[in-house]
């Protein structure tokens, strides 16, 4: 049986970390000091509050590892599309925490890339060369996953298995972001590379999707005060999903991992230590709150509209722009496939078409029907950069105004990233 520990953080973070490792005979038995480097992978998807692993845990973890003699430490991540990791680290303070403990920040969206082919996929994807050499092949290194306890509108939960979604470069994450392909992609990435140990940060749990607007956080945060850890990341995720209120059969990528034999996917075959699992009885919503500007017309395809791609990302961006950045209305957002005449009548303002389904079906006809309107198109699946760029433009928000940093500091951070071979795709800072 796999062992998973639910540790209470109210006794202190370092003590909770120690409790997780003690169930495996201590940290040096659970996570032996590697000959090379110990790479730590938090979830730093974006700098929006409570989308990322709490910096307090990263601080405590690096301090704990230093106290126990781990000499070579690195913190690696590649954030979501439309952003870049060096900026995220600077905003949320990971860069300063790394300096404090002599850990190396590793920005996986910078530097050379190599191709790998995932199980069940015909075409290769590009991953950072450093990742291929240091993590996929290991080469004497070790890998500690440090994800966040969150629900997710596209995948129900986002925990340790989904944490590997950062490994393809941003452009190569896009195509496999539909309801038919995303679970397989996540399982295939986990099959390619699995952490040696995983600890989910659950100081608070984040509900209502993966990207809650800061203005609406009171509705999205639930104090849980736990760390959930173990050597089998799939088993850790099964327990983490249960803490959030979901069975493994409700999380497609976890069920697929279990079917592929990539770990223990049955809760009744997992030995849970620490806090009792039955104390967690609340089911945290995984859907977005749906608080959009009332003067933005949203037109959704009647045949198809994937929450795992065009629908989910478009609505997530719109919710953020509306609530956190004062985005204006008076325009139309269209995604999906299968539209009627009624759907397309009297569309207000300029029009944004998101995704290949909507673009292929409507771009030409809407251009002829509304010759005096601006028609903007995002032809690819899950193109967060283009989607953010055009929604910000139509909402009257400058991308630079979305960054909680001095504009000069943000610009210099971007220059540094580009000097180091930035592969991330980001909107022009001034729109």
Protein backbone atom coordinates (compact mmCIF):
# COMPACT_ATOMS: atom_id res chain seq x y z
CA UNK A 1 0.00 0.00 0.00
CA UNK A 2 1.10 3.55 -0.72
CA UNK A 3 1.48 5.84 2.28
CA UNK A 4 0.23 9.43 2.25
CA UNK A 5 0.57 11.82 5.19
CA UNK A 6 -1.82 14.65 6.05
CA UNK A 7 0.15 16.91 8.40
CA UNK A 8 -1.31 19.76 10.44
CA UNK A 9 0.58 23.02 9.73
CA UNK A 10 -0.76 24.81 12.80
CA UNK A 11 2.13 23.31 14.78
CA UNK A 12 4.54 25.10 12.46
CA UNK A 13 5.57 24.51 8.87
CA UNK A 14 8.92 22.91 9.61
CA UNK A 15 7.31 20.51 12.06
CA UNK A 16 4.64 19.63 9.48
CA UNK A 17 7.34 18.99 6.86
CA UNK A 18 9.17 16.78 9.35
CA UNK A 19 5.96 14.87 10.12
CA UNK A 20 5.49 14.08 6.44
CA UNK A 21 9.02 12.70 6.10
CA UNK A 22 8.97 10.84 9.44
CA UNK A 23 6.35 8.42 8.12
CA UNK A 24 9.06 7.31 5.66
CA UNK A 25 11.81 7.06 8.25
CA UNK A 26 12.97 10.67 8.02
CA UNK A 27 13.91 13.00 5.21
CA UNK A 28 17.16 11.24 4.30
CA UNK A 29 15.34 7.95 3.74
CA UNK A 30 12.34 9.54 2.04
CA UNK A 31 14.42 11.83 -0.16
CA UNK A 32 18.09 10.82 -0.08
CA UNK A 33 20.50 13.66 -0.77
CA UNK A 34 21.37 13.30 -4.45
CA UNK A 35 24.85 13.20 -5.91
CA UNK A 36 23.77 16.13 -8.04
CA UNK A 37 21.07 18.71 -7.29
CA UNK A 38 17.66 18.54 -5.60
CA UNK A 39 15.20 20.30 -7.90
CA UNK A 40 12.03 21.64 -6.27
CA UNK A 41 9.00 22.28 -8.49
CA UNK A 42 6.33 24.50 -6.89
CA UNK A 43 3.24 25.65 -8.73
CA UNK A 44 4.02 29.22 -9.78
CA UNK A 45 1.53 29.41 -12.61
CA UNK A 46 1.02 33.18 -12.28
CA UNK A 47 1.49 36.03 -9.81
CA UNK A 48 -2.25 36.35 -9.07
CA UNK A 49 -2.77 35.68 -5.36
CA UNK A 50 -3.43 32.06 -4.31
CA UNK A 51 -2.75 30.61 -7.74
CA UNK A 52 0.75 29.60 -6.60
CA UNK A 53 2.40 27.54 -3.88
CA UNK A 54 2.54 29.71 -0.78
CA UNK A 55 6.02 31.31 -0.47
CA UNK A 56 6.00 30.51 3.23
CA UNK A 57 6.16 26.81 2.42
CA UNK A 58 8.98 27.26 -0.10
CA UNK A 59 10.89 29.30 2.51
CA UNK A 60 10.31 26.67 5.19
CA UNK A 61 11.22 23.82 2.84
CA UNK A 62 14.52 25.35 1.74
CA UNK A 63 15.38 26.16 5.35
CA UNK A 64 14.48 22.62 6.44
CA UNK A 65 16.56 21.04 3.69
CA UNK A 66 19.54 23.26 4.50
CA UNK A 67 19.20 22.32 8.17
CA UNK A 68 19.37 18.65 7.14
CA UNK A 69 22.50 19.01 5.06
CA UNK A 70 21.17 19.29 1.51
CA UNK A 71 23.79 21.33 -0.28
CA UNK A 72 22.66 21.82 -3.87
CA UNK A 73 19.12 23.12 -4.25
CA UNK A 74 17.24 24.59 -7.21
CA UNK A 75 13.69 25.89 -7.66
CA UNK A 76 12.30 25.35 -11.16
CA UNK A 77 9.12 26.39 -12.94
CA UNK A 78 7.64 27.50 -16.24
CA UNK A 79 4.51 29.54 -15.72
CA UNK A 80 1.30 29.72 -17.72
CA UNK A 81 1.02 31.16 -21.23
CA UNK A 82 0.96 34.94 -21.63
CA UNK A 83 3.40 35.41 -18.74
CA UNK A 84 7.04 34.56 -18.00
CA UNK A 85 8.52 32.83 -14.98
CA UNK A 86 11.28 35.27 -14.09
CA UNK A 87 8.58 37.93 -13.62
CA UNK A 88 6.38 35.62 -11.55
CA UNK A 89 9.30 34.77 -9.23
CA UNK A 90 10.07 38.45 -8.76
CA UNK A 91 6.48 39.45 -7.98
CA UNK A 92 5.72 36.65 -5.50
CA UNK A 93 9.17 36.67 -3.89
CA UNK A 94 10.53 33.26 -4.91
CA UNK A 95 13.68 34.90 -6.24
CA UNK A 96 14.42 36.46 -2.86
CA UNK A 97 13.73 33.20 -1.03
CA UNK A 98 16.14 31.40 -3.36
CA UNK A 99 18.86 33.97 -2.61
CA UNK A 100 18.27 33.63 1.12
CA UNK A 101 19.09 29.91 1.06
CA UNK A 102 21.54 29.78 -1.83
CA UNK A 103 19.09 27.90 -4.08
CA UNK A 104 19.30 28.42 -7.82
CA UNK A 105 16.15 29.75 -9.54
CA UNK A 106 15.61 27.81 -12.76
CA UNK A 107 13.37 29.47 -15.33
CA UNK A 108 12.29 26.65 -17.62
CA UNK A 109 10.93 29.12 -20.19
CA UNK A 110 14.46 30.34 -20.88
CA UNK A 111 17.29 28.65 -22.76
CA UNK A 112 17.68 25.89 -25.37
CA UNK A 113 15.08 23.19 -25.95
CA UNK A 114 15.10 19.58 -27.17
CA UNK A 115 12.39 17.33 -28.57
CA UNK A 116 10.76 14.39 -26.79
CA UNK A 117 7.84 12.22 -27.87
CA UNK A 118 5.19 11.41 -25.29
CA UNK A 119 3.41 8.07 -25.02
CA UNK A 120 0.47 7.89 -27.39
CA UNK A 121 1.39 11.05 -29.31
CA UNK A 122 2.68 11.04 -32.88
CA UNK A 123 4.50 14.35 -32.91
CA UNK A 124 7.31 15.39 -30.53
CA UNK A 125 7.05 18.29 -28.13
CA UNK A 126 9.80 20.67 -27.08
CA UNK A 127 11.02 20.73 -23.49
CA UNK A 128 13.89 22.66 -21.90
CA UNK A 129 17.24 21.00 -22.54
CA UNK A 130 18.08 21.42 -18.85
CA UNK A 131 14.92 19.55 -17.88
CA UNK A 132 15.72 16.68 -20.24
CA UNK A 133 19.26 16.34 -18.94
CA UNK A 134 18.73 17.01 -15.24
CA UNK A 135 15.22 15.68 -14.50
CA UNK A 136 13.99 13.33 -17.22
CA UNK A 137 17.33 11.48 -17.31
CA UNK A 138 17.98 12.39 -13.64
CA UNK A 139 21.79 12.12 -13.91
CA UNK A 140 22.17 11.89 -10.16
CA UNK A 141 19.60 14.60 -9.42
CA UNK A 142 16.38 14.37 -7.41
CA UNK A 143 12.98 15.98 -7.92
CA UNK A 144 10.58 17.21 -5.22
CA UNK A 145 7.09 18.32 -6.31
CA UNK A 146 5.55 21.14 -4.27
CA UNK A 147 2.14 21.88 -5.82
CA UNK A 148 -0.80 23.94 -4.53
CA UNK A 149 -4.12 22.54 -3.27
CA UNK A 150 -6.58 23.91 -5.85
CA UNK A 151 -9.62 23.02 -7.82
CA UNK A 152 -9.47 23.73 -11.54
CA UNK A 153 -12.24 24.49 -14.02
CA UNK A 154 -10.50 22.45 -16.75
CA UNK A 155 -9.21 19.43 -14.81
CA UNK A 156 -11.37 19.45 -11.63
CA UNK A 157 -8.21 19.58 -9.46
CA UNK A 158 -4.63 20.69 -10.07
CA UNK A 159 -2.15 18.95 -7.80
CA UNK A 160 1.04 16.92 -8.19
CA UNK A 161 0.38 15.10 -11.47
CA UNK A 162 -0.71 18.24 -13.31
CA UNK A 163 2.38 20.05 -12.01
CA UNK A 164 4.30 18.47 -14.93
CA UNK A 165 2.22 20.52 -17.41
CA UNK A 166 4.91 23.18 -17.05
CA UNK A 167 7.48 21.05 -18.85
CA UNK A 168 6.54 21.55 -22.53
CA UNK A 169 7.35 25.04 -23.77
CA UNK A 170 4.28 27.27 -23.81
CA UNK A 171 3.65 26.97 -27.53
CA UNK A 172 3.59 23.17 -27.35
CA UNK A 173 0.99 23.10 -24.57
CA UNK A 174 -1.66 24.70 -26.75
CA UNK A 175 -2.85 22.08 -29.20
CA UNK A 176 -3.52 19.36 -26.61
CA UNK A 177 -5.78 21.61 -24.52
CA UNK A 178 -9.23 20.30 -25.48
CA UNK A 179 -11.65 18.07 -23.59
CA UNK A 180 -10.58 15.13 -25.75
CA UNK A 181 -6.81 15.55 -25.39
CA UNK A 182 -5.91 17.27 -22.11
CA UNK A 183 -6.28 14.27 -19.73
CA UNK A 184 -4.06 12.13 -21.97
CA UNK A 185 -1.43 14.88 -22.24
CA UNK A 186 -1.25 15.26 -18.45
CA UNK A 187 -0.99 11.50 -17.90
CA UNK A 188 1.66 11.20 -20.63
CA UNK A 189 3.76 13.95 -19.07
CA UNK A 190 3.53 12.22 -15.71
CA UNK A 191 4.55 8.96 -17.34
CA UNK A 192 7.59 10.74 -18.80
CA UNK A 193 8.80 12.16 -15.49
CA UNK A 194 7.59 11.62 -11.93
CA UNK A 195 8.73 13.35 -8.74
CA UNK A 196 10.73 11.38 -6.21
CA UNK A 197 8.52 12.91 -3.53
CA UNK A 198 5.50 15.23 -3.54
CA UNK A 199 4.10 17.56 -0.87
CA UNK A 200 0.92 19.51 -1.61
CA UNK A 201 0.73 22.92 0.04
CA UNK A 202 -2.71 23.22 1.64
CA UNK A 203 -2.35 26.16 4.00
CA UNK A 204 -5.46 27.30 2.20
CA UNK A 205 -7.36 25.55 -0.57
CA UNK A 206 -8.29 27.57 -3.64
CA UNK A 207 -11.77 26.95 -5.05
CA UNK A 208 -13.71 28.12 -8.12
CA UNK A 209 -11.21 27.20 -10.76
CA UNK A 210 -7.53 27.68 -11.10
CA UNK A 211 -7.39 31.45 -11.39
CA UNK A 212 -9.58 33.30 -8.87
CA UNK A 213 -9.78 37.10 -9.28
CA UNK A 214 -8.11 38.88 -6.38
CA UNK A 215 -11.24 40.98 -5.86
CA UNK A 216 -13.29 37.82 -5.26
CA UNK A 217 -10.87 35.86 -3.06
CA UNK A 218 -13.24 35.81 -0.08
CA UNK A 219 -15.45 33.47 -2.09
CA UNK A 220 -12.57 31.29 -3.27
CA UNK A 221 -10.41 30.48 -0.24
CA UNK A 222 -10.94 27.78 2.37
CA UNK A 223 -8.49 27.42 5.30
CA UNK A 224 -7.31 23.79 5.38
CA UNK A 225 -4.01 24.09 7.29
CA UNK A 226 -2.45 20.91 5.91
CA UNK A 227 0.44 19.50 3.97
CA UNK A 228 -0.31 16.30 2.03
CA UNK A 229 2.77 14.30 1.12
CA UNK A 230 4.19 11.01 -0.04
CA UNK A 231 6.50 9.17 -2.43
CA UNK A 232 3.70 8.16 -4.83
CA UNK A 233 2.49 11.42 -6.39
CA UNK A 234 -0.62 9.78 -7.83
CA UNK A 235 -1.62 8.50 -4.39
CA UNK A 236 -0.90 11.95 -2.92
CA UNK A 237 -3.20 13.47 -5.55
CA UNK A 238 -5.95 10.93 -4.85
CA UNK A 239 -5.89 11.99 -1.20
CA UNK A 240 -5.60 15.67 -2.14
CA UNK A 241 -8.59 15.37 -4.47
CA UNK A 242 -10.58 13.76 -1.64
CA UNK A 243 -9.67 16.66 0.67
CA UNK A 244 -11.15 18.94 -1.99
CA UNK A 245 -14.25 16.73 -2.18
CA UNK A 246 -13.60 14.66 -5.32
CA UNK A 247 -13.17 10.96 -6.03
CA UNK A 248 -10.50 9.83 -8.47
CA UNK A 249 -13.15 8.76 -11.00
CA UNK A 250 -14.16 12.43 -11.26
CA UNK A 251 -10.65 13.53 -12.26
CA UNK A 252 -9.94 12.23 -15.76
CA UNK A 253 -6.15 12.58 -15.75
CA UNK A 254 -5.80 10.86 -12.37
CA UNK A 255 -8.04 7.98 -13.46
CA UNK A 256 -5.95 7.61 -16.61
CA UNK A 257 -2.72 7.52 -14.60
CA UNK A 258 -4.24 4.80 -12.41
CA UNK A 259 -5.36 2.83 -15.46
CA UNK A 260 -1.81 3.04 -16.84
CA UNK A 261 -0.38 1.68 -13.58
CA UNK A 262 1.54 4.85 -12.76
CA UNK A 263 0.89 4.61 -9.04
CA UNK A 264 -1.80 3.81 -6.49
CA UNK A 265 -5.09 5.28 -7.70
CA UNK A 266 -7.49 3.57 -5.30
CA UNK A 267 -8.22 5.35 -2.05
CA UNK A 268 -8.93 2.07 -0.25
CA UNK A 269 -5.38 0.92 -1.08
CA UNK A 270 -3.71 4.04 0.34
CA UNK A 271 -2.63 4.16 3.97
CA UNK A 272 -3.32 7.69 5.26
CA UNK A 273 -1.28 8.86 8.24
CA UNK A 274 -1.69 12.00 10.32
CA UNK A 275 -5.03 13.80 10.27
CA UNK A 276 -8.12 11.72 9.56
CA UNK A 277 -9.31 12.04 5.98
CA UNK A 278 -12.98 11.94 6.98
CA UNK A 279 -12.67 15.32 8.67
CA UNK A 280 -12.68 16.91 5.19
CA UNK A 281 -16.33 16.84 4.14
CA UNK A 282 -16.74 19.96 2.02
CA UNK A 283 -16.80 19.78 -1.79
CA UNK A 284 -15.03 22.85 -3.15
CA UNK A 285 -16.46 24.14 -6.46
CA UNK A 286 -14.21 23.75 -9.48
CA UNK A 287 -16.15 26.03 -11.84
CA UNK A 288 -15.39 29.72 -12.33
CA UNK A 289 -17.58 32.19 -10.47
CA UNK A 290 -18.80 33.57 -13.77
CA UNK A 291 -18.62 37.24 -12.78
CA UNK A 292 -18.18 38.86 -16.19
CA UNK A 293 -18.77 42.40 -17.36
CA UNK A 294 -22.50 42.65 -18.11
CA UNK A 295 -21.82 44.57 -21.32
CA UNK A 296 -19.58 41.92 -22.87
CA UNK A 297 -21.68 39.67 -25.09
CA UNK A 298 -20.52 36.05 -24.77
CA UNK A 299 -21.57 33.77 -27.62
CA UNK A 300 -20.85 30.09 -27.06
CA UNK A 301 -21.04 27.39 -29.74
CA UNK A 302 -24.03 25.09 -29.49
CA UNK A 303 -22.22 21.98 -30.72
CA UNK A 304 -18.92 22.34 -28.91
CA UNK A 305 -17.25 24.68 -26.42
CA UNK A 306 -14.39 23.08 -24.46
CA UNK A 307 -14.00 24.32 -20.92
CA UNK A 308 -10.53 22.69 -21.15
CA UNK A 309 -9.55 25.18 -23.84
CA UNK A 310 -11.23 28.10 -25.55
CA UNK A 311 -14.22 28.46 -23.22
CA UNK A 312 -12.33 28.01 -19.96
CA UNK A 313 -9.41 30.25 -20.82
CA UNK A 314 -11.54 32.97 -22.41
CA UNK A 315 -13.88 33.18 -19.45
CA UNK A 316 -11.00 33.04 -16.96
CA UNK A 317 -9.24 35.98 -18.64
CA UNK A 318 -12.48 37.95 -18.87
CA UNK A 319 -13.29 37.37 -15.20
CA UNK A 320 -9.84 38.63 -14.20
CA UNK A 321 -9.97 41.71 -16.45
CA UNK A 322 -13.48 42.57 -15.25
CA UNK A 323 -12.93 42.24 -11.52
CA UNK A 324 -9.24 43.06 -10.98
CA UNK A 325 -8.45 45.60 -13.68
CA UNK A 326 -11.65 47.53 -14.35
CA UNK A 327 -12.07 46.15 -17.86
CA UNK A 328 -14.83 47.79 -19.88
CA UNK A 329 -17.60 46.17 -21.88
CA UNK A 330 -19.23 46.99 -25.20
CA UNK A 331 -17.67 44.15 -27.24
CA UNK A 332 -18.34 40.53 -28.17
CA UNK A 333 -16.50 37.33 -27.24
CA UNK A 334 -17.18 34.19 -29.32
CA UNK A 335 -15.81 30.66 -28.89
CA UNK A 336 -16.83 27.13 -29.77
CA UNK A 337 -18.57 25.52 -32.73
CA UNK A 338 -22.11 25.58 -34.12
CA UNK A 339 -23.84 28.96 -34.23
CA UNK A 340 -27.33 29.99 -35.33
CA UNK A 341 -28.51 33.17 -37.03
CA UNK A 342 -29.97 34.30 -33.73
CA UNK A 343 -26.60 33.91 -31.99
CA UNK A 344 -24.92 36.29 -34.43
CA UNK A 345 -27.51 39.07 -34.67
CA UNK A 346 -26.82 42.59 -33.39
CA UNK A 347 -23.40 41.82 -31.91
CA UNK A 348 -22.15 44.80 -29.91
CA UNK A 349 -18.80 46.47 -30.57
CA UNK A 350 -15.69 44.78 -31.93
CA UNK A 351 -15.59 40.99 -32.01
CA UNK A 352 -13.05 38.48 -30.69
CA UNK A 353 -13.14 34.93 -32.07
CA UNK A 354 -11.22 32.42 -29.93
CA UNK A 355 -10.11 28.99 -31.11
CA UNK A 356 -9.95 27.16 -34.44
CA UNK A 357 -13.60 26.09 -34.31
CA UNK A 358 -14.98 29.63 -34.08
CA UNK A 359 -12.36 31.15 -36.38
CA UNK A 360 -12.89 28.58 -39.14
CA UNK A 361 -16.66 28.84 -38.94
CA UNK A 362 -17.16 32.58 -38.54
CA UNK A 363 -14.14 34.76 -39.38
CA UNK A 364 -15.02 35.28 -43.05
CA UNK A 365 -18.78 35.57 -42.66
CA UNK A 366 -18.63 37.97 -39.71
CA UNK A 367 -16.12 40.13 -41.58
CA UNK A 368 -18.65 40.50 -44.39
CA UNK A 369 -21.60 40.92 -42.05
CA UNK A 370 -19.95 43.56 -39.87
CA UNK A 371 -17.52 45.38 -42.18
CA UNK A 372 -17.24 48.37 -39.84
CA UNK A 373 -16.26 46.35 -36.77
CA UNK A 374 -12.85 45.10 -35.76
CA UNK A 375 -12.72 41.29 -36.02
CA UNK A 376 -9.89 39.81 -33.91
CA UNK A 377 -8.99 36.13 -34.14
CA UNK A 378 -7.10 33.65 -31.95
CA UNK A 379 -6.76 30.70 -34.34
CA UNK A 380 -4.99 28.21 -32.02
CA UNK A 381 -6.23 26.22 -29.03
CA UNK A 382 -5.32 27.62 -25.64
CA UNK A 383 -3.30 30.56 -27.00
CA UNK A 384 -3.27 32.48 -23.74
CA UNK A 385 -0.93 35.14 -25.06
CA UNK A 386 -3.13 36.17 -27.99
CA UNK A 387 -6.32 35.73 -25.99
CA UNK A 388 -5.01 37.96 -23.19
CA UNK A 389 -3.66 40.50 -25.65
CA UNK A 390 -6.93 41.00 -27.51
CA UNK A 391 -9.20 40.81 -24.48
CA UNK A 392 -7.04 43.40 -22.73
CA UNK A 393 -7.19 45.63 -25.82
CA UNK A 394 -10.97 45.36 -26.09
CA UNK A 395 -11.35 45.89 -22.33
CA UNK A 396 -9.15 48.99 -22.35
CA UNK A 397 -6.46 47.43 -20.12
CA UNK A 398 -2.74 47.70 -20.84
CA UNK A 399 -0.85 44.45 -20.13
CA UNK A 400 1.79 46.39 -18.20
CA UNK A 401 -0.92 47.69 -15.85
CA UNK A 402 -1.72 44.08 -14.94
CA UNK A 403 1.74 43.58 -13.42
CA UNK A 404 2.03 44.59 -9.73
CA UNK A 405 5.55 45.95 -10.18
CA UNK A 406 7.16 49.23 -11.08
CA UNK A 407 6.91 49.32 -14.91
CA UNK A 408 10.64 49.90 -15.25
CA UNK A 409 11.41 46.87 -13.07
CA UNK A 410 8.99 44.77 -15.13
CA UNK A 411 10.61 45.92 -18.39
CA UNK A 412 14.12 45.20 -17.08
CA UNK A 413 12.99 41.76 -15.91
CA UNK A 414 11.70 41.04 -19.41
CA UNK A 415 15.00 42.20 -20.90
CA UNK A 416 16.89 39.82 -18.59
CA UNK A 417 14.64 36.93 -19.61
CA UNK A 418 15.14 37.66 -23.30
CA UNK A 419 18.89 37.83 -22.85
CA UNK A 420 18.70 34.30 -21.40
CA UNK A 421 16.72 32.90 -24.35
CA UNK A 422 13.07 33.45 -23.36
CA UNK A 423 10.72 30.98 -25.08
CA UNK A 424 7.52 32.25 -23.44
CA UNK A 425 5.04 34.19 -25.54
CA UNK A 426 3.82 37.36 -23.85
CA UNK A 427 1.61 40.25 -24.99
CA UNK A 428 3.28 43.57 -25.86
CA UNK A 429 3.62 45.36 -22.54
CA UNK A 430 1.72 48.40 -23.75
CA UNK A 431 -1.00 46.51 -25.62
